[in-house]
Amino acid sequence: MNIKILHITTIDVGGAYKAAQRIRESLQQQNVDSTILFRNKTKKSTEGIEYLDSFLKQANSKLKNCINLLLSRNGIIIREALGSDISGHPSLKDADIIVLHWVNSFLSPKSLKKILALGKPVIWIMHDMWPYTGGCHCDMYCGRYQDTCKECPLVVHKWGKSVSSKNFKDKQKVYSQFNFYVIGPSRCSVKNVQDSHLLKNKMIYYIPNCINTKVYYPRNKEQVKRKLQLPLEKKIVLFGADNAGTEDKNKGFAYLLKALECLDDKDVFLLIFGRTSEKTLQNIKQNYKTVGYIENENEMSEIYSVADVMVTPSIQESFGFTCCEALACGTPVTAFGVGGLLDQIEHRKNGYLAELYNSKDLAQGISYCISHSEELGQAAYKKAQQFSYEVVGKQYKELFESAKSNYYRSDRCNRNSTNSKTD
């Protein structure tokens, strides 16, 4: 069955883009035609279609986002009143199936409605909680998405409290008119969707994100240490995150700093990739090195491989690419037992699951993984094969074939029913 898949995501950076790109590549290995449509690209080398391909479109998009910000009266929960109407774009007309990823600052509920009204199968992958909340990406366990997102705790001023409720009602109005598929990249995200007021009645599936295990695999630790000029005698503790990096409170770097205070400074060396701030780095008491944002995946694989333990102290995590990538490189992971990390880490088998917010337990996990790094690393590498292109790409292909088949079967039934009424 020939299928044309169109992925839609806002921009070519971040975890959602990484997921979309990897799913596209995994589908191409399954001989499935798969393309990405972006609002805009930050790099000329990015493969895919750019929607804002003219000055007029760019200006119009910026104006709409400015109006959304003005309507928000709040810097965290944005009013999602306006978005780009992309329903008439040739790539959507040409697609058999439309896959939504992270569409913030691109699609509003109104513009989403026009996509759903095209009558094509739509699959929405939950890279964060935004599709079923009043506007937050991580609810920090407030749980209000299970009701109507009233009195959002993230909105400080009382006169802005209605923003999340308005967003919620806009989504509810659109979602109630159409059926579509919802994918959770972790069992936890699936459970959240099932508990949500907005999406609980949709067709919900668990399919994890994927990584290229031909790129992420164990490298020679000593050689990489010499290449990166790291101390050969030290145990390497690794931390990293995209976007805000150490400054993203959800990624939990502050908990790692507290955990490191419980460890012997003489034996531990902290290695950090991603974005950092000088103010935060001043709080590190151990010897450390930062390598910045690494775009080359082979270099990233080497960095994972050089570590004795990867620490991922996220407070909430829909999947956790850094965890999966580290496991594939034979590096055990210590993390709080939350979200998608629960699907990847088997406690004391390929890593350590610490109690949420407990830095002492996190420190115990770091020590445990360092002490058992080799045996845990072997189990980590084996576990990561579950998230390979081959395994996950096959799952997506099967879902897409089923979605297309069911759509055309339903379409034929509707046409037959219409014809019989006409006759």
Protein backbone atom coordinates (compact mmCIF):
# COMPACT_ATOMS: atom_id res chain seq x y z
CA MET A 1 0.00 0.00 0.00
CA ASN A 2 1.48 3.36 -1.07
CA ILE A 3 1.03 6.06 1.56
CA LYS A 4 2.14 9.69 1.61
CA ILE A 5 2.75 11.00 5.12
CA LEU A 6 2.99 14.69 5.97
CA HIS A 7 4.45 15.65 9.36
CA ILE A 8 3.68 19.14 10.66
CA THR A 9 5.83 20.84 13.30
CA THR A 10 6.62 24.45 14.08
CA ILE A 11 10.40 24.66 13.79
CA ASP A 12 13.51 22.57 13.08
CA VAL A 13 14.94 22.57 16.61
CA GLY A 14 14.01 20.87 19.88
CA GLY A 15 12.82 17.45 20.94
CA ALA A 16 9.61 17.44 18.91
CA TYR A 17 11.51 18.19 15.71
CA LYS A 18 14.02 15.48 16.59
CA ALA A 19 11.15 13.04 17.05
CA ALA A 20 9.49 14.04 13.78
CA GLN A 21 12.74 13.77 11.84
CA ARG A 22 13.55 10.36 13.28
CA ILE A 23 10.06 9.01 12.66
CA ARG A 24 10.35 10.27 9.08
CA GLU A 25 13.69 8.48 8.67
CA SER A 26 12.33 5.28 10.22
CA LEU A 27 9.41 5.37 7.79
CA GLN A 28 11.73 5.90 4.83
CA GLN A 29 13.51 2.70 5.87
CA GLN A 30 10.07 1.05 5.62
CA ASN A 31 9.71 2.52 2.08
CA VAL A 32 7.02 4.96 3.24
CA ASP A 33 6.94 8.41 1.60
CA SER A 34 7.31 10.87 4.49
CA THR A 35 7.84 14.67 4.45
CA ILE A 36 7.91 17.44 7.10
CA LEU A 37 6.18 20.82 6.81
CA PHE A 38 7.64 23.53 9.07
CA ARG A 39 6.35 26.98 9.94
CA ASN A 40 9.92 28.10 9.34
CA LYS A 41 13.44 26.67 9.29
CA THR A 42 16.43 27.96 11.23
CA LYS A 43 18.91 26.05 9.04
CA LYS A 44 19.11 25.89 5.25
CA SER A 45 20.28 22.28 5.45
CA THR A 46 17.04 21.09 7.07
CA GLU A 47 15.08 18.72 4.85
CA GLY A 48 11.41 19.55 4.44
CA ILE A 49 8.99 22.26 3.35
CA GLU A 50 8.94 25.76 4.82
CA TYR A 51 5.45 27.30 5.05
CA LEU A 52 6.60 30.88 5.67
CA ASP A 53 8.35 31.08 2.32
CA SER A 54 7.55 34.72 1.64
CA PHE A 55 7.87 38.05 3.43
CA LEU A 56 4.09 38.48 3.49
CA LYS A 57 3.53 35.12 5.20
CA GLN A 58 6.30 35.82 7.71
CA ALA A 59 4.89 39.25 8.58
CA ASN A 60 1.37 37.85 8.91
CA SER A 61 2.55 35.06 11.23
CA LYS A 62 4.50 37.48 13.44
CA LEU A 63 1.51 39.80 13.68
CA LYS A 64 -0.77 36.96 14.75
CA ASN A 65 1.70 35.76 17.39
CA CYS A 66 2.03 39.32 18.71
CA ILE A 67 -1.77 39.55 19.01
CA ASN A 68 -1.81 36.20 20.85
CA LEU A 69 0.76 37.56 23.29
CA LEU A 70 -1.22 40.76 23.83
CA LEU A 71 -4.37 38.75 24.51
CA SER A 72 -2.46 36.55 26.96
CA ARG A 73 -1.46 39.21 29.48
CA ASN A 74 0.79 36.53 30.85
CA GLY A 75 4.21 35.23 29.85
CA ILE A 76 3.59 31.51 30.44
CA ILE A 77 0.10 30.59 29.24
CA ILE A 78 -0.36 32.10 25.78
CA ARG A 79 -3.78 32.91 24.34
CA GLU A 80 -4.11 30.68 21.27
CA ALA A 81 -6.66 32.72 19.34
CA LEU A 82 -4.88 33.07 15.99
CA GLY A 83 -2.80 30.74 13.83
CA SER A 84 -1.84 30.05 10.23
CA ASP A 85 -4.44 28.52 7.92
CA ILE A 86 -2.35 25.92 6.11
CA SER A 87 -5.27 23.75 4.96
CA GLY A 88 -4.90 24.88 1.36
CA HIS A 89 -1.17 24.19 1.12
CA PRO A 90 -0.27 21.71 -1.67
CA SER A 91 1.54 19.41 0.76
CA LEU A 92 -1.68 18.83 2.73
CA LYS A 93 -3.70 18.23 -0.41
CA ASP A 94 -1.11 15.69 -1.58
CA ALA A 95 -0.88 13.79 1.72
CA ASP A 96 -2.79 10.63 2.57
CA ILE A 97 -2.20 11.02 6.31
CA ILE A 98 -1.37 14.13 8.35
CA VAL A 99 0.80 13.78 11.47
CA LEU A 100 0.85 16.66 13.96
CA HIS A 101 3.83 17.12 16.25
CA TRP A 102 4.59 20.36 18.18
CA VAL A 103 2.49 23.07 16.53
CA ASN A 104 2.59 25.97 19.01
CA SER A 105 2.89 29.49 17.54
CA PHE A 106 1.86 27.93 14.24
CA LEU A 107 -1.59 26.37 14.48
CA SER A 108 -4.46 27.61 16.64
CA PRO A 109 -7.58 25.55 17.39
CA LYS A 110 -9.32 27.39 14.52
CA SER A 111 -6.59 26.56 12.00
CA LEU A 112 -6.47 23.00 13.34
CA LYS A 113 -10.20 22.72 12.67
CA LYS A 114 -9.61 23.47 8.98
CA ILE A 115 -7.02 20.66 8.79
CA LEU A 116 -9.37 18.19 10.45
CA ALA A 117 -12.16 19.29 8.10
CA LEU A 118 -10.11 18.09 5.11
CA GLY A 119 -11.44 14.63 5.91
CA LYS A 120 -8.05 12.93 5.95
CA PRO A 121 -6.74 10.72 8.78
CA VAL A 122 -4.97 12.91 11.34
CA ILE A 123 -2.55 11.53 13.92
CA TRP A 124 -1.35 13.76 16.77
CA ILE A 125 1.77 12.78 18.72
CA MET A 126 1.84 14.05 22.31
CA HIS A 127 5.36 15.47 22.67
CA ASP A 128 4.13 17.44 25.68
CA MET A 129 0.82 18.17 27.42
CA TRP A 130 -0.20 21.27 25.43
CA PRO A 131 -2.77 19.53 23.15
CA TYR A 132 -4.95 18.62 26.17
CA THR A 133 -4.31 21.53 28.56
CA GLY A 134 -5.30 25.17 28.64
CA GLY A 135 -1.87 26.13 27.36
CA CYS A 136 0.90 24.71 29.55
CA HIS A 137 3.41 22.21 28.21
CA CYS A 138 4.05 20.57 31.60
CA ASP A 139 1.33 20.84 34.22
CA MET A 140 3.75 20.18 37.12
CA TYR A 141 1.22 17.65 38.41
CA CYS A 142 -1.60 20.15 38.98
CA GLY A 143 -3.99 17.77 37.16
CA ARG A 144 -6.48 20.43 36.11
CA TYR A 145 -6.45 19.13 32.52
CA GLN A 146 -8.66 16.31 33.80
CA ASP A 147 -11.41 18.88 34.32
CA THR A 148 -11.43 22.26 32.54
CA CYS A 149 -8.09 23.96 33.39
CA LYS A 150 -9.81 26.68 35.43
CA GLU A 151 -7.78 28.78 37.88
CA CYS A 152 -4.45 27.85 36.31
CA PRO A 153 -1.72 27.96 39.00
CA LEU A 154 0.84 29.14 36.44
CA VAL A 155 -1.05 32.39 35.90
CA VAL A 156 -0.02 34.79 38.65
CA HIS A 157 -2.50 37.64 38.12
CA LYS A 158 -6.17 37.01 38.76
CA TRP A 159 -7.23 39.08 35.74
CA GLY A 160 -5.34 36.61 33.50
CA LYS A 161 -6.84 33.44 34.96
CA SER A 162 -9.39 33.14 32.16
CA VAL A 163 -6.71 32.63 29.47
CA SER A 164 -6.24 28.90 30.13
CA SER A 165 -9.99 28.39 30.38
CA LYS A 166 -10.59 30.14 27.03
CA ASN A 167 -7.89 28.03 25.36
CA PHE A 168 -9.43 24.91 26.85
CA LYS A 169 -12.91 25.76 25.57
CA ASP A 170 -11.58 26.55 22.07
CA LYS A 171 -9.89 23.14 21.91
CA GLN A 172 -12.95 21.37 23.26
CA LYS A 173 -15.17 22.94 20.61
CA VAL A 174 -12.89 21.72 17.81
CA TYR A 175 -12.04 18.29 19.23
CA SER A 176 -15.70 17.44 19.79
CA GLN A 177 -16.47 17.81 16.07
CA PHE A 178 -13.81 15.43 14.72
CA ASN A 179 -12.20 12.11 15.43
CA PHE A 180 -8.46 11.62 15.14
CA TYR A 181 -5.69 9.37 16.39
CA VAL A 182 -3.61 10.25 19.44
CA ILE A 183 -0.15 8.77 20.01
CA GLY A 184 1.55 8.78 23.40
CA PRO A 185 5.34 8.25 23.15
CA SER A 186 5.28 6.82 26.67
CA ARG A 187 2.83 4.80 28.72
CA CYS A 188 2.60 7.70 31.13
CA SER A 189 1.58 10.12 28.38
CA VAL A 190 -1.02 7.61 27.20
CA LYS A 191 -2.43 7.47 30.75
CA ASN A 192 -2.52 11.28 30.89
CA VAL A 193 -4.43 11.43 27.60
CA GLN A 194 -6.87 8.78 28.80
CA ASP A 195 -7.48 10.83 31.95
CA SER A 196 -7.79 14.13 30.08
CA HIS A 197 -11.12 15.85 29.57
CA LEU A 198 -10.31 16.83 26.00
CA LEU A 199 -8.84 13.69 24.42
CA LYS A 200 -10.04 10.74 26.48
CA ASN A 201 -12.56 9.66 23.82
CA LYS A 202 -10.11 9.66 20.91
CA MET A 203 -8.32 6.65 19.41
CA ILE A 204 -5.26 6.42 21.68
CA TYR A 205 -2.10 4.37 21.01
CA TYR A 206 1.29 3.89 22.61
CA ILE A 207 4.20 4.07 20.18
CA PRO A 208 7.56 5.25 21.56
CA ASN A 209 9.88 7.70 19.88
CA CYS A 210 12.86 6.18 18.10
CA ILE A 211 16.61 6.60 17.69
CA ASN A 212 19.07 5.55 15.03
CA THR A 213 20.97 2.71 16.70
CA LYS A 214 23.44 2.73 13.81
CA VAL A 215 24.56 6.15 15.06
CA TYR A 216 24.05 5.74 18.78
CA TYR A 217 26.15 2.79 19.91
CA PRO A 218 29.04 2.25 22.38
CA ARG A 219 32.38 3.87 21.47
CA ASN A 220 35.82 3.35 22.99
CA LYS A 221 35.70 5.16 26.34
CA GLU A 222 39.44 5.76 26.75
CA GLN A 223 39.87 7.05 23.21
CA VAL A 224 37.01 9.51 23.63
CA LYS A 225 38.39 10.67 26.99
CA ARG A 226 41.69 11.50 25.33
CA LYS A 227 39.94 13.21 22.43
CA LEU A 228 37.86 15.40 24.75
CA GLN A 229 40.79 15.91 27.13
CA LEU A 230 38.94 14.44 30.08
CA PRO A 231 40.74 13.01 33.14
CA LEU A 232 41.37 9.29 32.54
CA GLU A 233 41.18 8.38 36.23
CA LYS A 234 37.87 10.13 36.97
CA LYS A 235 34.32 8.78 36.82
CA ILE A 236 32.37 10.85 34.31
CA VAL A 237 28.88 12.01 35.30
CA LEU A 238 26.99 13.37 32.27
CA PHE A 239 24.14 15.87 32.11
CA GLY A 240 22.59 17.56 29.10
CA ALA A 241 19.39 19.06 27.74
CA ASP A 242 18.18 20.84 24.61
CA ASN A 243 16.74 24.33 24.50
CA ALA A 244 17.23 26.02 27.91
CA GLY A 245 19.60 23.28 29.16
CA THR A 246 20.70 23.79 32.75
CA GLU A 247 18.28 26.74 33.06
CA ASP A 248 15.18 24.66 32.33
CA LYS A 249 13.73 23.95 35.78
CA ASN A 250 11.86 20.94 34.44
CA LYS A 251 15.17 19.27 33.47
CA GLY A 252 16.20 19.30 37.14
CA PHE A 253 19.84 20.41 37.04
CA ALA A 254 19.44 21.92 40.52
CA TYR A 255 18.67 18.44 41.91
CA LEU A 256 21.82 17.07 40.29
CA LEU A 257 23.92 19.79 41.96
CA LYS A 258 22.52 18.81 45.35
CA ALA A 259 23.14 15.14 44.59
CA LEU A 260 26.76 15.82 43.67
CA GLU A 261 27.32 17.38 47.09
CA CYS A 262 26.74 13.92 48.57
CA LEU A 263 29.49 12.33 46.42
CA ASP A 264 33.27 12.27 46.79
CA ASP A 265 34.61 15.21 44.79
CA LYS A 266 37.91 13.44 44.12
CA ASP A 267 36.36 10.64 42.08
CA VAL A 268 33.73 12.50 40.06
CA PHE A 269 34.04 14.73 37.01
CA LEU A 270 30.92 16.46 35.65
CA LEU A 271 30.49 16.74 31.87
CA ILE A 272 27.71 18.98 30.53
CA PHE A 273 26.35 19.34 27.01
CA GLY A 274 23.70 21.78 25.86
CA ARG A 275 23.12 25.34 26.91
CA THR A 276 24.41 26.68 30.22
CA SER A 277 24.69 29.99 32.05
CA GLU A 278 27.76 31.35 33.81
CA LYS A 279 25.72 32.03 36.95
CA THR A 280 24.64 28.39 37.20
CA LEU A 281 28.13 27.06 36.47
CA GLN A 282 29.48 29.04 39.43
CA ASN A 283 27.43 26.81 41.74
CA ILE A 284 29.24 23.63 40.65
CA LYS A 285 31.73 22.47 43.30
CA GLN A 286 33.15 19.51 41.35
CA ASN A 287 35.58 19.70 38.47
CA TYR A 288 33.57 20.02 35.29
CA LYS A 289 33.67 20.69 31.59
CA THR A 290 31.04 22.04 29.21
CA VAL A 291 31.01 21.11 25.53
CA GLY A 292 28.10 23.31 24.46
CA TYR A 293 25.36 22.40 22.04
CA ILE A 294 26.35 19.39 19.92
CA GLU A 295 24.57 19.11 16.60
CA ASN A 296 26.61 16.27 15.10
CA GLU A 297 25.07 12.98 16.25
CA ASN A 298 28.28 10.97 15.95
CA GLU A 299 29.98 13.43 18.30
CA MET A 300 26.99 13.17 20.63
CA SER A 301 27.28 9.40 20.62
CA GLU A 302 30.92 9.69 21.69
CA ILE A 303 29.95 11.97 24.57
CA TYR A 304 27.34 9.50 25.81
CA SER A 305 29.84 6.64 25.50
CA VAL A 306 32.52 8.38 27.57
CA ALA A 307 30.25 8.68 30.62
CA ASP A 308 30.03 6.20 33.47
CA VAL A 309 26.51 7.41 34.18
CA MET A 310 24.04 9.76 32.52
CA VAL A 311 21.83 11.73 34.92
CA THR A 312 18.36 12.79 33.74
CA PRO A 313 16.63 14.39 36.74
CA SER A 314 13.60 15.69 34.83
CA ILE A 315 10.52 16.50 36.87
CA GLN A 316 8.22 15.59 33.98
CA GLU A 317 9.23 13.87 30.74
CA SER A 318 6.98 12.72 27.90
CA PHE A 319 9.74 10.49 26.48
CA GLY A 320 13.34 11.46 27.25
CA PHE A 321 15.66 11.32 24.24
CA THR A 322 18.86 11.89 26.24
CA CYS A 323 18.05 8.83 28.32
CA CYS A 324 17.38 6.64 25.28
CA GLU A 325 20.48 7.85 23.44
CA ALA A 326 22.69 7.22 26.47
CA LEU A 327 21.31 3.70 26.92
CA ALA A 328 22.01 2.92 23.26
CA CYS A 329 25.63 3.97 23.84
CA GLY A 330 25.95 1.50 26.69
CA THR A 331 25.73 4.10 29.46
CA PRO A 332 23.44 3.47 32.45
CA VAL A 333 21.06 6.27 33.41
CA THR A 334 20.05 7.62 36.80
CA ALA A 335 16.77 9.53 36.74
CA PHE A 336 13.68 10.38 38.70
CA GLY A 337 11.04 7.73 38.08
CA VAL A 338 8.70 9.79 35.93
CA GLY A 339 7.03 9.74 32.51
CA GLY A 340 8.80 8.13 29.59
CA LEU A 341 11.86 7.36 31.71
CA LEU A 342 9.85 4.58 33.35
CA ASP A 343 9.59 2.84 29.96
CA GLN A 344 13.34 2.97 29.40
CA ILE A 345 15.04 2.45 32.75
CA GLU A 346 14.76 -0.85 34.58
CA HIS A 347 15.66 -0.16 38.19
CA ARG A 348 19.10 -1.51 39.11
CA LYS A 349 19.23 -3.43 35.81
CA ASN A 350 20.22 -0.79 33.28
CA GLY A 351 20.06 2.27 35.51
CA TYR A 352 18.49 3.66 38.64
CA LEU A 353 15.06 5.22 39.25
CA ALA A 354 15.22 7.69 42.13
CA GLU A 355 12.33 9.12 44.12
CA LEU A 356 11.05 12.36 42.60
CA TYR A 357 12.63 15.51 44.14
CA ASN A 358 14.93 13.37 46.32
CA SER A 359 18.53 14.46 45.64
CA LYS A 360 19.95 11.99 48.17
CA ASP A 361 18.31 9.09 46.35
CA LEU A 362 19.58 10.57 43.09
CA ALA A 363 23.10 10.54 44.58
CA GLN A 364 22.67 6.89 45.56
CA GLY A 365 21.65 6.13 41.99
CA ILE A 366 24.71 7.88 40.61
CA SER A 367 26.98 5.90 42.94
CA TYR A 368 25.21 2.64 42.10
CA CYS A 369 25.53 3.17 38.35
CA ILE A 370 29.19 4.15 38.63
CA SER A 371 29.94 1.05 40.70
CA HIS A 372 28.12 -1.25 38.26
CA SER A 373 28.68 0.70 35.07
CA GLU A 374 29.86 -2.18 32.87
CA GLU A 375 27.10 -4.69 33.61
CA LEU A 376 24.38 -2.03 33.63
CA GLY A 377 25.76 -0.65 30.38
CA GLN A 378 25.39 -3.98 28.62
CA ALA A 379 21.74 -4.18 29.71
CA ALA A 380 21.26 -0.54 28.69
CA TYR A 381 22.47 -1.21 25.15
CA LYS A 382 20.13 -4.19 24.86
CA LYS A 383 17.13 -2.24 26.16
CA ALA A 384 17.67 0.60 23.69
CA GLN A 385 17.17 -1.74 20.72
CA GLN A 386 13.44 -1.58 21.48
CA PHE A 387 13.51 2.02 20.26
CA SER A 388 15.36 1.42 17.00
CA TYR A 389 14.20 2.69 13.60
CA GLU A 390 13.41 -0.87 12.56
CA VAL A 391 11.13 -1.62 15.52
CA VAL A 392 9.33 1.71 15.83
CA GLY A 393 9.14 2.39 12.09
CA LYS A 394 7.29 -0.89 11.63
CA GLN A 395 4.76 0.08 14.31
CA TYR A 396 4.07 3.41 12.63
CA LYS A 397 3.79 1.84 9.20
CA GLU A 398 1.21 -0.64 10.48
CA LEU A 399 -0.81 2.16 12.10
CA PHE A 400 -0.71 4.31 8.98
CA GLU A 401 -1.81 1.43 6.76
CA SER A 402 -4.67 0.69 9.14
CA ALA A 403 -5.66 4.37 9.31
CA LYS A 404 -5.68 4.73 5.52
CA SER A 405 -7.55 1.46 5.01
CA ASN A 406 -10.20 2.35 7.61
CA TYR A 407 -10.58 5.85 6.17
CA TYR A 408 -11.25 4.68 2.63
CA ARG A 409 -13.52 1.89 3.86
CA SER A 410 -15.51 4.46 5.84
CA ASP A 411 -15.53 6.86 2.88
CA ARG A 412 -16.96 4.17 0.60
CA CYS A 413 -19.66 3.38 3.15
CA ASN A 414 -20.59 7.05 3.43
CA ARG A 415 -20.79 7.42 -0.37
CA ASN A 416 -22.89 4.27 -0.68
CA SER A 417 -25.18 5.53 2.06
CA THR A 418 -25.51 8.91 0.34
CA ASN A 419 -26.22 7.26 -3.01
CA SER A 420 -28.89 5.02 -1.54
CA LYS A 421 -30.63 8.04 0.01
CA THR A 422 -30.47 9.89 -3.29
CA ASP A 423 -31.93 6.98 -5.14
